[in-house]
Amino acid sequence: MAKKFEELRKRMSPERRARNAKETRRLIEEMPLHQLRVARDLTQQQMAELLEINQSEVSRIEKRTDMYLSTLASYVRAMGGELELRAVFPQGESIRITQLVALNAPEEAR
């Protein structure tokens, strides 16, 4: 007989529940473009309309492993977000790279 997840979760150690919660947060914080689009409840066709390109180009963008930051910034901006670029160092230091700010600025503000 199948067991409910909540029953299984109650039997997990606190350490295991903490590891699971940490991994869940990581998965939410890190996702490919197509999953981000789906999470924002957008179809490729809707993204194409927002970006003023065709749907096949949206598909190509989502499959790329290497692209211009301006393309990525436009994609994120079309979803209503802002792209930030950070350098993260082993000591825990995180520095925002500000050249990207110009990519995110509307055309008339550049």
PDB file of N, CA and C in Angstrom:
ATOM      1  N   MET A   1       0.839  -1.179   0.000  1.00  0.00           N
ATOM      2  CA  MET A   1       0.000   0.000   0.000  1.00  0.00           C
ATOM      3  C   MET A   1       0.890   1.251   0.000  1.00  0.00           C
ATOM      4  N   ALA A   2       0.511   2.215  -0.778  1.00  0.00           N
ATOM      5  CA  ALA A   2       1.279   3.464  -0.866  1.00  0.00           C
ATOM      6  C   ALA A   2       1.170   4.250   0.432  1.00  0.00           C
ATOM      7  N   LYS A   3       2.288   4.888   0.782  1.00  0.00           N
ATOM      8  CA  LYS A   3       2.296   5.710   1.991  1.00  0.00           C
ATOM      9  C   LYS A   3       2.285   7.173   1.592  1.00  0.00           C
ATOM     10  N   LYS A   4       1.633   7.973   2.379  1.00  0.00           N
ATOM     11  CA  LYS A   4       1.609   9.408   2.129  1.00  0.00           C
ATOM     12  C   LYS A   4       2.986   9.989   2.451  1.00  0.00           C
ATOM     13  N   PHE A   5       3.378  10.972   1.652  1.00  0.00           N
ATOM     14  CA  PHE A   5       4.679  11.593   1.835  1.00  0.00           C
ATOM     15  C   PHE A   5       4.826  12.162   3.245  1.00  0.00           C
ATOM     16  N   GLU A   6       3.778  12.751   3.757  1.00  0.00           N
ATOM     17  CA  GLU A   6       3.845  13.356   5.098  1.00  0.00           C
ATOM     18  C   GLU A   6       4.180  12.311   6.160  1.00  0.00           C
ATOM     19  N   GLU A   7       3.667  11.093   5.994  1.00  0.00           N
ATOM     20  CA  GLU A   7       3.991  10.019   6.941  1.00  0.00           C
ATOM     21  C   GLU A   7       5.478   9.665   6.856  1.00  0.00           C
ATOM     22  N   LEU A   8       5.986   9.568   5.636  1.00  0.00           N
ATOM     23  CA  LEU A   8       7.406   9.273   5.459  1.00  0.00           C
ATOM     24  C   LEU A   8       8.270  10.398   6.014  1.00  0.00           C
ATOM     25  N   ARG A   9       7.848  11.614   5.773  1.00  0.00           N
ATOM     26  CA  ARG A   9       8.606  12.784   6.234  1.00  0.00           C
ATOM     27  C   ARG A   9       8.695  12.809   7.757  1.00  0.00           C
ATOM     28  N   LYS A  10       7.629  12.448   8.428  1.00  0.00           N
ATOM     29  CA  LYS A  10       7.619  12.443   9.900  1.00  0.00           C
ATOM     30  C   LYS A  10       8.641  11.461  10.457  1.00  0.00           C
ATOM     31  N   ARG A  11       8.924  10.392   9.721  1.00  0.00           N
ATOM     32  CA  ARG A  11       9.873   9.389  10.190  1.00  0.00           C
ATOM     33  C   ARG A  11      11.320   9.754   9.875  1.00  0.00           C
ATOM     34  N   MET A  12      11.531  10.793   9.068  1.00  0.00           N
ATOM     35  CA  MET A  12      12.898  11.228   8.729  1.00  0.00           C
ATOM     36  C   MET A  12      13.537  11.917   9.931  1.00  0.00           C
ATOM     37  N   SER A  13      14.838  11.783  10.005  1.00  0.00           N
ATOM     38  CA  SER A  13      15.568  12.470  11.071  1.00  0.00           C
ATOM     39  C   SER A  13      15.552  13.978  10.783  1.00  0.00           C
ATOM     40  N   PRO A  14      15.722  14.806  11.803  1.00  0.00           N
ATOM     41  CA  PRO A  14      15.794  16.248  11.576  1.00  0.00           C
ATOM     42  C   PRO A  14      16.915  16.624  10.610  1.00  0.00           C
ATOM     43  N   GLU A  15      18.039  15.894  10.683  1.00  0.00           N
ATOM     44  CA  GLU A  15      19.159  16.171   9.780  1.00  0.00           C
ATOM     45  C   GLU A  15      18.765  15.899   8.326  1.00  0.00           C
ATOM     46  N   ARG A  16      18.054  14.817   8.103  1.00  0.00           N
ATOM     47  CA  ARG A  16      17.633  14.488   6.739  1.00  0.00           C
ATOM     48  C   ARG A  16      16.609  15.498   6.229  1.00  0.00           C
ATOM     49  N   ARG A  17      15.679  15.899   7.081  1.00  0.00           N
ATOM     50  CA  ARG A  17      14.704  16.921   6.667  1.00  0.00           C
ATOM     51  C   ARG A  17      15.413  18.221   6.315  1.00  0.00           C
ATOM     52  N   ALA A  18      16.439  18.583   7.080  1.00  0.00           N
ATOM     53  CA  ALA A  18      17.211  19.799   6.801  1.00  0.00           C
ATOM     54  C   ALA A  18      17.945  19.683   5.470  1.00  0.00           C
ATOM     55  N   ARG A  19      18.563  18.523   5.201  1.00  0.00           N
ATOM     56  CA  ARG A  19      19.244  18.304   3.915  1.00  0.00           C
ATOM     57  C   ARG A  19      18.259  18.392   2.755  1.00  0.00           C
ATOM     58  N   ASN A  20      17.084  17.802   2.939  1.00  0.00           N
ATOM     59  CA  ASN A  20      16.064  17.851   1.892  1.00  0.00           C
ATOM     60  C   ASN A  20      15.599  19.283   1.641  1.00  0.00           C
ATOM     61  N   ALA A  21      15.405  20.042   2.704  1.00  0.00           N
ATOM     62  CA  ALA A  21      14.977  21.440   2.555  1.00  0.00           C
ATOM     63  C   ALA A  21      16.044  22.260   1.845  1.00  0.00           C
ATOM     64  N   LYS A  22      17.307  22.022   2.192  1.00  0.00           N
ATOM     65  CA  LYS A  22      18.410  22.738   1.547  1.00  0.00           C
ATOM     66  C   LYS A  22      18.479  22.415   0.056  1.00  0.00           C
ATOM     67  N   GLU A  23      18.329  21.151  -0.294  1.00  0.00           N
ATOM     68  CA  GLU A  23      18.370  20.738  -1.697  1.00  0.00           C
ATOM     69  C   GLU A  23      17.167  21.308  -2.459  1.00  0.00           C
ATOM     70  N   THR A  24      16.011  21.353  -1.822  1.00  0.00           N
ATOM     71  CA  THR A  24      14.831  21.941  -2.453  1.00  0.00           C
ATOM     72  C   THR A  24      15.066  23.411  -2.761  1.00  0.00           C
ATOM     73  N   ARG A  25      15.624  24.143  -1.798  1.00  0.00           N
ATOM     74  CA  ARG A  25      15.939  25.570  -2.025  1.00  0.00           C
ATOM     75  C   ARG A  25      16.933  25.724  -3.169  1.00  0.00           C
ATOM     76  N   ARG A  26      17.949  24.859  -3.222  1.00  0.00           N
ATOM     77  CA  ARG A  26      18.945  24.936  -4.291  1.00  0.00           C
ATOM     78  C   ARG A  26      18.293  24.714  -5.650  1.00  0.00           C
ATOM     79  N   LEU A  27      17.422  23.726  -5.735  1.00  0.00           N
ATOM     80  CA  LEU A  27      16.765  23.436  -7.002  1.00  0.00           C
ATOM     81  C   LEU A  27      15.863  24.581  -7.454  1.00  0.00           C
ATOM     82  N   ILE A  28      15.226  25.246  -6.495  1.00  0.00           N
ATOM     83  CA  ILE A  28      14.376  26.393  -6.828  1.00  0.00           C
ATOM     84  C   ILE A  28      15.234  27.573  -7.271  1.00  0.00           C
ATOM     85  N   GLU A  29      16.387  27.753  -6.625  1.00  0.00           N
ATOM     86  CA  GLU A  29      17.261  28.884  -6.935  1.00  0.00           C
ATOM     87  C   GLU A  29      18.045  28.682  -8.225  1.00  0.00           C
ATOM     88  N   GLU A  30      18.164  27.445  -8.694  1.00  0.00           N
ATOM     89  CA  GLU A  30      18.942  27.144  -9.896  1.00  0.00           C
ATOM     90  C   GLU A  30      18.062  26.375 -10.862  1.00  0.00           C
ATOM     91  N   MET A  31      17.748  26.997 -11.990  1.00  0.00           N
ATOM     92  CA  MET A  31      16.974  26.274 -12.988  1.00  0.00           C
ATOM     93  C   MET A  31      17.285  26.782 -14.382  1.00  0.00           C
ATOM     94  N   PRO A  32      17.181  25.896 -15.365  1.00  0.00           N
ATOM     95  CA  PRO A  32      17.404  26.317 -16.741  1.00  0.00           C
ATOM     96  C   PRO A  32      16.297  27.257 -17.211  1.00  0.00           C
ATOM     97  N   LEU A  33      16.565  27.975 -18.300  1.00  0.00           N
ATOM     98  CA  LEU A  33      15.613  28.964 -18.806  1.00  0.00           C
ATOM     99  C   LEU A  33      14.228  28.387 -19.061  1.00  0.00           C
ATOM    100  N   HIS A  34      14.154  27.212 -19.680  1.00  0.00           N
ATOM    101  CA  HIS A  34      12.830  26.683 -20.001  1.00  0.00           C
ATOM    102  C   HIS A  34      12.028  26.393 -18.734  1.00  0.00           C
ATOM    103  N   GLN A  35      12.696  25.931 -17.667  1.00  0.00           N
ATOM    104  CA  GLN A  35      11.981  25.692 -16.413  1.00  0.00           C
ATOM    105  C   GLN A  35      11.566  27.009 -15.766  1.00  0.00           C
ATOM    106  N   LEU A  36      12.404  28.028 -15.873  1.00  0.00           N
ATOM    107  CA  LEU A  36      12.059  29.345 -15.348  1.00  0.00           C
ATOM    108  C   LEU A  36      10.825  29.884 -16.066  1.00  0.00           C
ATOM    109  N   ARG A  37      10.811  29.745 -17.399  1.00  0.00           N
ATOM    110  CA  ARG A  37       9.656  30.207 -18.176  1.00  0.00           C
ATOM    111  C   ARG A  37       8.388  29.480 -17.736  1.00  0.00           C
ATOM    112  N   VAL A  38       8.461  28.158 -17.595  1.00  0.00           N
ATOM    113  CA  VAL A  38       7.303  27.366 -17.169  1.00  0.00           C
ATOM    114  C   VAL A  38       6.874  27.774 -15.759  1.00  0.00           C
ATOM    115  N   ALA A  39       7.843  27.988 -14.875  1.00  0.00           N
ATOM    116  CA  ALA A  39       7.527  28.408 -13.502  1.00  0.00           C
ATOM    117  C   ALA A  39       6.837  29.769 -13.482  1.00  0.00           C
ATOM    118  N   ARG A  40       7.144  30.610 -14.466  1.00  0.00           N
ATOM    119  CA  ARG A  40       6.499  31.929 -14.576  1.00  0.00           C
ATOM    120  C   ARG A  40       5.180  31.839 -15.336  1.00  0.00           C
ATOM    121  N   ASP A  41       4.766  30.599 -15.662  1.00  0.00           N
ATOM    122  CA  ASP A  41       3.497  30.325 -16.331  1.00  0.00           C
ATOM    123  C   ASP A  41       3.411  30.969 -17.712  1.00  0.00           C
ATOM    124  N   LEU A  42       4.506  30.841 -18.470  1.00  0.00           N
ATOM    125  CA  LEU A  42       4.563  31.383 -19.824  1.00  0.00           C
ATOM    126  C   LEU A  42       4.859  30.261 -20.817  1.00  0.00           C
ATOM    127  N   THR A  43       4.248  30.341 -21.992  1.00  0.00           N
ATOM    128  CA  THR A  43       4.539  29.400 -23.066  1.00  0.00           C
ATOM    129  C   THR A  43       5.644  29.987 -23.939  1.00  0.00           C
ATOM    130  N   GLN A  44       6.233  29.153 -24.788  1.00  0.00           N
ATOM    131  CA  GLN A  44       7.224  29.665 -25.730  1.00  0.00           C
ATOM    132  C   GLN A  44       6.593  30.691 -26.664  1.00  0.00           C
ATOM    133  N   GLN A  45       5.345  30.468 -27.062  1.00  0.00           N
ATOM    134  CA  GLN A  45       4.672  31.415 -27.944  1.00  0.00           C
ATOM    135  C   GLN A  45       4.488  32.770 -27.255  1.00  0.00           C
ATOM    136  N   GLN A  46       4.124  32.763 -25.971  1.00  0.00           N
ATOM    137  CA  GLN A  46       3.979  34.025 -25.229  1.00  0.00           C
ATOM    138  C   GLN A  46       5.323  34.736 -25.120  1.00  0.00           C
ATOM    139  N   MET A  47       6.390  33.969 -24.857  1.00  0.00           N
ATOM    140  CA  MET A  47       7.724  34.575 -24.786  1.00  0.00           C
ATOM    141  C   MET A  47       8.102  35.172 -26.134  1.00  0.00           C
ATOM    142  N   ALA A  48       7.780  34.472 -27.203  1.00  0.00           N
ATOM    143  CA  ALA A  48       8.088  34.975 -28.542  1.00  0.00           C
ATOM    144  C   ALA A  48       7.399  36.312 -28.780  1.00  0.00           C
ATOM    145  N   GLU A  49       6.154  36.416 -28.365  1.00  0.00           N
ATOM    146  CA  GLU A  49       5.419  37.677 -28.532  1.00  0.00           C
ATOM    147  C   GLU A  49       6.042  38.788 -27.685  1.00  0.00           C
ATOM    148  N   LEU A  50       6.433  38.471 -26.459  1.00  0.00           N
ATOM    149  CA  LEU A  50       7.057  39.464 -25.591  1.00  0.00           C
ATOM    150  C   LEU A  50       8.398  39.936 -26.149  1.00  0.00           C
ATOM    151  N   LEU A  51       9.148  39.012 -26.740  1.00  0.00           N
ATOM    152  CA  LEU A  51      10.471  39.328 -27.279  1.00  0.00           C
ATOM    153  C   LEU A  51      10.425  39.800 -28.733  1.00  0.00           C
ATOM    154  N   GLU A  52       9.258  39.720 -29.325  1.00  0.00           N
ATOM    155  CA  GLU A  52       9.063  40.087 -30.730  1.00  0.00           C
ATOM    156  C   GLU A  52       9.958  39.267 -31.658  1.00  0.00           C
ATOM    157  N   ILE A  53       9.955  37.947 -31.409  1.00  0.00           N
ATOM    158  CA  ILE A  53      10.665  36.987 -32.245  1.00  0.00           C
ATOM    159  C   ILE A  53       9.709  35.827 -32.490  1.00  0.00           C
ATOM    160  N   ASN A  54      10.138  34.829 -33.255  1.00  0.00           N
ATOM    161  CA  ASN A  54       9.253  33.683 -33.453  1.00  0.00           C
ATOM    162  C   ASN A  54       9.512  32.602 -32.404  1.00  0.00           C
ATOM    163  N   GLN A  55       8.555  31.704 -32.261  1.00  0.00           N
ATOM    164  CA  GLN A  55       8.607  30.675 -31.227  1.00  0.00           C
ATOM    165  C   GLN A  55       9.831  29.774 -31.390  1.00  0.00           C
ATOM    166  N   SER A  56      10.226  29.477 -32.612  1.00  0.00           N
ATOM    167  CA  SER A  56      11.388  28.598 -32.808  1.00  0.00           C
ATOM    168  C   SER A  56      12.671  29.240 -32.270  1.00  0.00           C
ATOM    169  N   GLU A  57      12.757  30.571 -32.339  1.00  0.00           N
ATOM    170  CA  GLU A  57      13.926  31.266 -31.787  1.00  0.00           C
ATOM    171  C   GLU A  57      13.937  31.165 -30.258  1.00  0.00           C
ATOM    172  N   VAL A  58      12.764  31.219 -29.637  1.00  0.00           N
ATOM    173  CA  VAL A  58      12.678  31.033 -28.177  1.00  0.00           C
ATOM    174  C   VAL A  58      13.207  29.643 -27.833  1.00  0.00           C
ATOM    175  N   SER A  59      12.800  28.647 -28.595  1.00  0.00           N
ATOM    176  CA  SER A  59      13.271  27.286 -28.369  1.00  0.00           C
ATOM    177  C   SER A  59      14.791  27.214 -28.486  1.00  0.00           C
ATOM    178  N   ARG A  60      15.357  27.875 -29.487  1.00  0.00           N
ATOM    179  CA  ARG A  60      16.815  27.882 -29.661  1.00  0.00           C
ATOM    180  C   ARG A  60      17.515  28.555 -28.488  1.00  0.00           C
ATOM    181  N   ILE A  61      16.967  29.682 -28.033  1.00  0.00           N
ATOM    182  CA  ILE A  61      17.560  30.393 -26.887  1.00  0.00           C
ATOM    183  C   ILE A  61      17.590  29.478 -25.672  1.00  0.00           C
ATOM    184  N   GLU A  62      16.480  28.782 -25.423  1.00  0.00           N
ATOM    185  CA  GLU A  62      16.383  27.925 -24.237  1.00  0.00           C
ATOM    186  C   GLU A  62      17.328  26.725 -24.296  1.00  0.00           C
ATOM    187  N   LYS A  63      17.746  26.326 -25.475  1.00  0.00           N
ATOM    188  CA  LYS A  63      18.644  25.176 -25.619  1.00  0.00           C
ATOM    189  C   LYS A  63      20.116  25.569 -25.639  1.00  0.00           C
ATOM    190  N   ARG A  64      20.395  26.857 -25.795  1.00  0.00           N
ATOM    191  CA  ARG A  64      21.792  27.303 -25.875  1.00  0.00           C
ATOM    192  C   ARG A  64      22.513  27.112 -24.549  1.00  0.00           C
ATOM    193  N   THR A  65      23.766  26.747 -24.649  1.00  0.00           N
ATOM    194  CA  THR A  65      24.605  26.679 -23.451  1.00  0.00           C
ATOM    195  C   THR A  65      25.534  27.883 -23.383  1.00  0.00           C
ATOM    196  N   ASP A  66      25.591  28.644 -24.465  1.00  0.00           N
ATOM    197  CA  ASP A  66      26.446  29.826 -24.527  1.00  0.00           C
ATOM    198  C   ASP A  66      25.681  30.900 -25.295  1.00  0.00           C
ATOM    199  N   MET A  67      25.526  32.083 -24.704  1.00  0.00           N
ATOM    200  CA  MET A  67      24.801  33.156 -25.377  1.00  0.00           C
ATOM    201  C   MET A  67      25.302  34.501 -24.881  1.00  0.00           C
ATOM    202  N   TYR A  68      24.969  35.525 -25.616  1.00  0.00           N
ATOM    203  CA  TYR A  68      25.295  36.880 -25.185  1.00  0.00           C
ATOM    204  C   TYR A  68      24.514  37.218 -23.914  1.00  0.00           C
ATOM    205  N   LEU A  69      25.150  37.975 -23.032  1.00  0.00           N
ATOM    206  CA  LEU A  69      24.445  38.429 -21.836  1.00  0.00           C
ATOM    207  C   LEU A  69      23.251  39.301 -22.206  1.00  0.00           C
ATOM    208  N   SER A  70      23.355  40.056 -23.280  1.00  0.00           N
ATOM    209  CA  SER A  70      22.245  40.914 -23.696  1.00  0.00           C
ATOM    210  C   SER A  70      21.025  40.075 -24.078  1.00  0.00           C
ATOM    211  N   THR A  71      21.247  38.914 -24.699  1.00  0.00           N
ATOM    212  CA  THR A  71      20.138  38.018 -25.046  1.00  0.00           C
ATOM    213  C   THR A  71      19.481  37.484 -23.778  1.00  0.00           C
ATOM    214  N   LEU A  72      20.305  37.046 -22.842  1.00  0.00           N
ATOM    215  CA  LEU A  72      19.785  36.530 -21.580  1.00  0.00           C
ATOM    216  C   LEU A  72      19.065  37.618 -20.799  1.00  0.00           C
ATOM    217  N   ALA A  73      19.634  38.824 -20.765  1.00  0.00           N
ATOM    218  CA  ALA A  73      18.994  39.945 -20.063  1.00  0.00           C
ATOM    219  C   ALA A  73      17.638  40.270 -20.685  1.00  0.00           C
ATOM    220  N   SER A  74      17.553  40.263 -22.012  1.00  0.00           N
ATOM    221  CA  SER A  74      16.279  40.532 -22.690  1.00  0.00           C
ATOM    222  C   SER A  74      15.246  39.463 -22.361  1.00  0.00           C
ATOM    223  N   TYR A  75      15.677  38.218 -22.336  1.00  0.00           N
ATOM    224  CA  TYR A  75      14.788  37.097 -22.025  1.00  0.00           C
ATOM    225  C   TYR A  75      14.211  37.250 -20.617  1.00  0.00           C
ATOM    226  N   VAL A  76      15.079  37.530 -19.656  1.00  0.00           N
ATOM    227  CA  VAL A  76      14.642  37.683 -18.258  1.00  0.00           C
ATOM    228  C   VAL A  76      13.761  38.919 -18.112  1.00  0.00           C
ATOM    229  N   ARG A  77      14.129  40.009 -18.766  1.00  0.00           N
ATOM    230  CA  ARG A  77      13.338  41.248 -18.710  1.00  0.00           C
ATOM    231  C   ARG A  77      11.935  41.021 -19.286  1.00  0.00           C
ATOM    232  N   ALA A  78      11.824  40.212 -20.345  1.00  0.00           N
ATOM    233  CA  ALA A  78      10.522  39.918 -20.947  1.00  0.00           C
ATOM    234  C   ALA A  78       9.603  39.189 -19.968  1.00  0.00           C
ATOM    235  N   MET A  79      10.208  38.452 -19.020  1.00  0.00           N
ATOM    236  CA  MET A  79       9.415  37.763 -17.995  1.00  0.00           C
ATOM    237  C   MET A  79       9.106  38.672 -16.812  1.00  0.00           C
ATOM    238  N   GLY A  80       9.618  39.894 -16.866  1.00  0.00           N
ATOM    239  CA  GLY A  80       9.364  40.828 -15.772  1.00  0.00           C
ATOM    240  C   GLY A  80      10.470  40.870 -14.738  1.00  0.00           C
ATOM    241  N   GLY A  81      11.587  40.227 -15.023  1.00  0.00           N
ATOM    242  CA  GLY A  81      12.688  40.185 -14.060  1.00  0.00           C
ATOM    243  C   GLY A  81      13.843  41.070 -14.469  1.00  0.00           C
ATOM    244  N   GLU A  82      14.886  41.004 -13.679  1.00  0.00           N
ATOM    245  CA  GLU A  82      16.121  41.738 -13.947  1.00  0.00           C
ATOM    246  C   GLU A  82      17.273  40.762 -13.776  1.00  0.00           C
ATOM    247  N   LEU A  83      18.152  40.724 -14.751  1.00  0.00           N
ATOM    248  CA  LEU A  83      19.300  39.841 -14.686  1.00  0.00           C
ATOM    249  C   LEU A  83      20.425  40.524 -13.920  1.00  0.00           C
ATOM    250  N   GLU A  84      20.996  39.809 -12.963  1.00  0.00           N
ATOM    251  CA  GLU A  84      22.162  40.294 -12.230  1.00  0.00           C
ATOM    252  C   GLU A  84      23.304  39.329 -12.463  1.00  0.00           C
ATOM    253  N   LEU A  85      24.502  39.876 -12.573  1.00  0.00           N
ATOM    254  CA  LEU A  85      25.692  39.054 -12.734  1.00  0.00           C
ATOM    255  C   LEU A  85      26.566  39.269 -11.503  1.00  0.00           C
ATOM    256  N   ARG A  86      26.953  38.167 -10.858  1.00  0.00           N
ATOM    257  CA  ARG A  86      27.758  38.244  -9.642  1.00  0.00           C
ATOM    258  C   ARG A  86      28.987  37.363  -9.772  1.00  0.00           C
ATOM    259  N   ALA A  87      30.074  37.824  -9.180  1.00  0.00           N
ATOM    260  CA  ALA A  87      31.274  37.011  -9.020  1.00  0.00           C
ATOM    261  C   ALA A  87      31.265  36.520  -7.577  1.00  0.00           C
ATOM    262  N   VAL A  88      31.328  35.214  -7.392  1.00  0.00           N
ATOM    263  CA  VAL A  88      31.285  34.621  -6.049  1.00  0.00           C
ATOM    264  C   VAL A  88      32.634  33.961  -5.790  1.00  0.00           C
ATOM    265  N   PHE A  89      33.238  34.306  -4.659  1.00  0.00           N
ATOM    266  CA  PHE A  89      34.571  33.832  -4.315  1.00  0.00           C
ATOM    267  C   PHE A  89      34.513  32.811  -3.182  1.00  0.00           C
ATOM    268  N   PRO A  90      35.534  31.952  -3.087  1.00  0.00           N
ATOM    269  CA  PRO A  90      35.536  30.886  -2.076  1.00  0.00           C
ATOM    270  C   PRO A  90      35.342  31.378  -0.646  1.00  0.00           C
ATOM    271  N   GLN A  91      35.784  32.592  -0.361  1.00  0.00           N
ATOM    272  CA  GLN A  91      35.657  33.117   1.000  1.00  0.00           C
ATOM    273  C   GLN A  91      34.220  33.541   1.312  1.00  0.00           C
ATOM    274  N   GLY A  92      33.311  33.387   0.361  1.00  0.00           N
ATOM    275  CA  GLY A  92      31.916  33.759   0.577  1.00  0.00           C
ATOM    276  C   GLY A  92      31.576  35.146   0.068  1.00  0.00           C
ATOM    277  N   GLU A  93      32.576  35.860  -0.433  1.00  0.00           N
ATOM    278  CA  GLU A  93      32.367  37.202  -0.950  1.00  0.00           C
ATOM    279  C   GLU A  93      31.611  37.123  -2.275  1.00  0.00           C
ATOM    280  N   SER A  94      30.633  38.006  -2.455  1.00  0.00           N
ATOM    281  CA  SER A  94      29.846  38.067  -3.676  1.00  0.00           C
ATOM    282  C   SER A  94      29.828  39.515  -4.163  1.00  0.00           C
ATOM    283  N   ILE A  95      30.297  39.728  -5.388  1.00  0.00           N
ATOM    284  CA  ILE A  95      30.397  41.069  -5.949  1.00  0.00           C
ATOM    285  C   ILE A  95      29.503  41.162  -7.182  1.00  0.00           C
ATOM    286  N   ARG A  96      28.640  42.155  -7.222  1.00  0.00           N
ATOM    287  CA  ARG A  96      27.783  42.364  -8.395  1.00  0.00           C
ATOM    288  C   ARG A  96      28.604  43.049  -9.491  1.00  0.00           C
ATOM    289  N   ILE A  97      28.581  42.489 -10.679  1.00  0.00           N
ATOM    290  CA  ILE A  97      29.254  43.071 -11.840  1.00  0.00           C
ATOM    291  C   ILE A  97      28.285  44.093 -12.439  1.00  0.00           C
ATOM    292  N   THR A  98      28.697  45.362 -12.475  1.00  0.00           N
ATOM    293  CA  THR A  98      27.756  46.427 -12.831  1.00  0.00           C
ATOM    294  C   THR A  98      27.647  46.721 -14.317  1.00  0.00           C
ATOM    295  N   GLN A  99      28.519  46.177 -15.148  1.00  0.00           N
ATOM    296  CA  GLN A  99      28.388  46.429 -16.583  1.00  0.00           C
ATOM    297  C   GLN A  99      27.043  45.938 -17.105  1.00  0.00           C
ATOM    298  N   LEU A 100      26.472  44.948 -16.448  1.00  0.00           N
ATOM    299  CA  LEU A 100      25.204  44.394 -16.882  1.00  0.00           C
ATOM    300  C   LEU A 100      24.049  45.370 -16.676  1.00  0.00           C
ATOM    301  N   VAL A 101      24.210  46.310 -15.768  1.00  0.00           N
ATOM    302  CA  VAL A 101      23.158  47.300 -15.521  1.00  0.00           C
ATOM    303  C   VAL A 101      22.795  48.001 -16.824  1.00  0.00           C
ATOM    304  N   ALA A 102      23.779  48.339 -17.639  1.00  0.00           N
ATOM    305  CA  ALA A 102      23.517  49.012 -18.913  1.00  0.00           C
ATOM    306  C   ALA A 102      22.716  48.112 -19.854  1.00  0.00           C
ATOM    307  N   LEU A 103      22.941  46.793 -19.791  1.00  0.00           N
ATOM    308  CA  LEU A 103      22.164  45.868 -20.625  1.00  0.00           C
ATOM    309  C   LEU A 103      20.707  45.820 -20.213  1.00  0.00           C
ATOM    310  N   ASN A 104      20.434  45.978 -18.923  1.00  0.00           N
ATOM    311  CA  ASN A 104      19.073  45.901 -18.422  1.00  0.00           C
ATOM    312  C   ASN A 104      18.316  47.209 -18.539  1.00  0.00           C
ATOM    313  N   ALA A 105      19.021  48.301 -18.755  1.00  0.00           N
ATOM    314  CA  ALA A 105      18.364  49.622 -18.851  1.00  0.00           C
ATOM    315  C   ALA A 105      17.559  49.704 -20.142  1.00  0.00           C
ATOM    316  N   PRO A 106      16.382  50.327 -20.080  1.00  0.00           N
ATOM    317  CA  PRO A 106      15.607  50.532 -21.312  1.00  0.00           C
ATOM    318  C   PRO A 106      16.442  51.337 -22.315  1.00  0.00           C
ATOM    319  N   GLU A 107      16.166  51.140 -23.595  1.00  0.00           N
ATOM    320  CA  GLU A 107      16.934  51.799 -24.665  1.00  0.00           C
ATOM    321  C   GLU A 107      17.064  53.302 -24.443  1.00  0.00           C
ATOM    322  N   GLU A 108      15.965  53.970 -24.068  1.00  0.00           N
ATOM    323  CA  GLU A 108      16.004  55.427 -23.931  1.00  0.00           C
ATOM    324  C   GLU A 108      16.861  55.886 -22.745  1.00  0.00           C
ATOM    325  N   ALA A 109      17.144  54.980 -21.774  1.00  0.00           N
ATOM    326  CA  ALA A 109      17.945  55.366 -20.609  1.00  0.00           C
ATOM    327  C   ALA A 109      19.426  55.128 -20.837  1.00  0.00           C
ATOM    328  N   ARG A 110      19.814  54.468 -21.916  1.00  0.00           N
ATOM    329  CA  ARG A 110      21.229  54.173 -22.162  1.00  0.00           C
ATOM    330  C   ARG A 110      21.967  55.373 -22.696  1.00  0.00           C
TER     331      ARG A 110
END
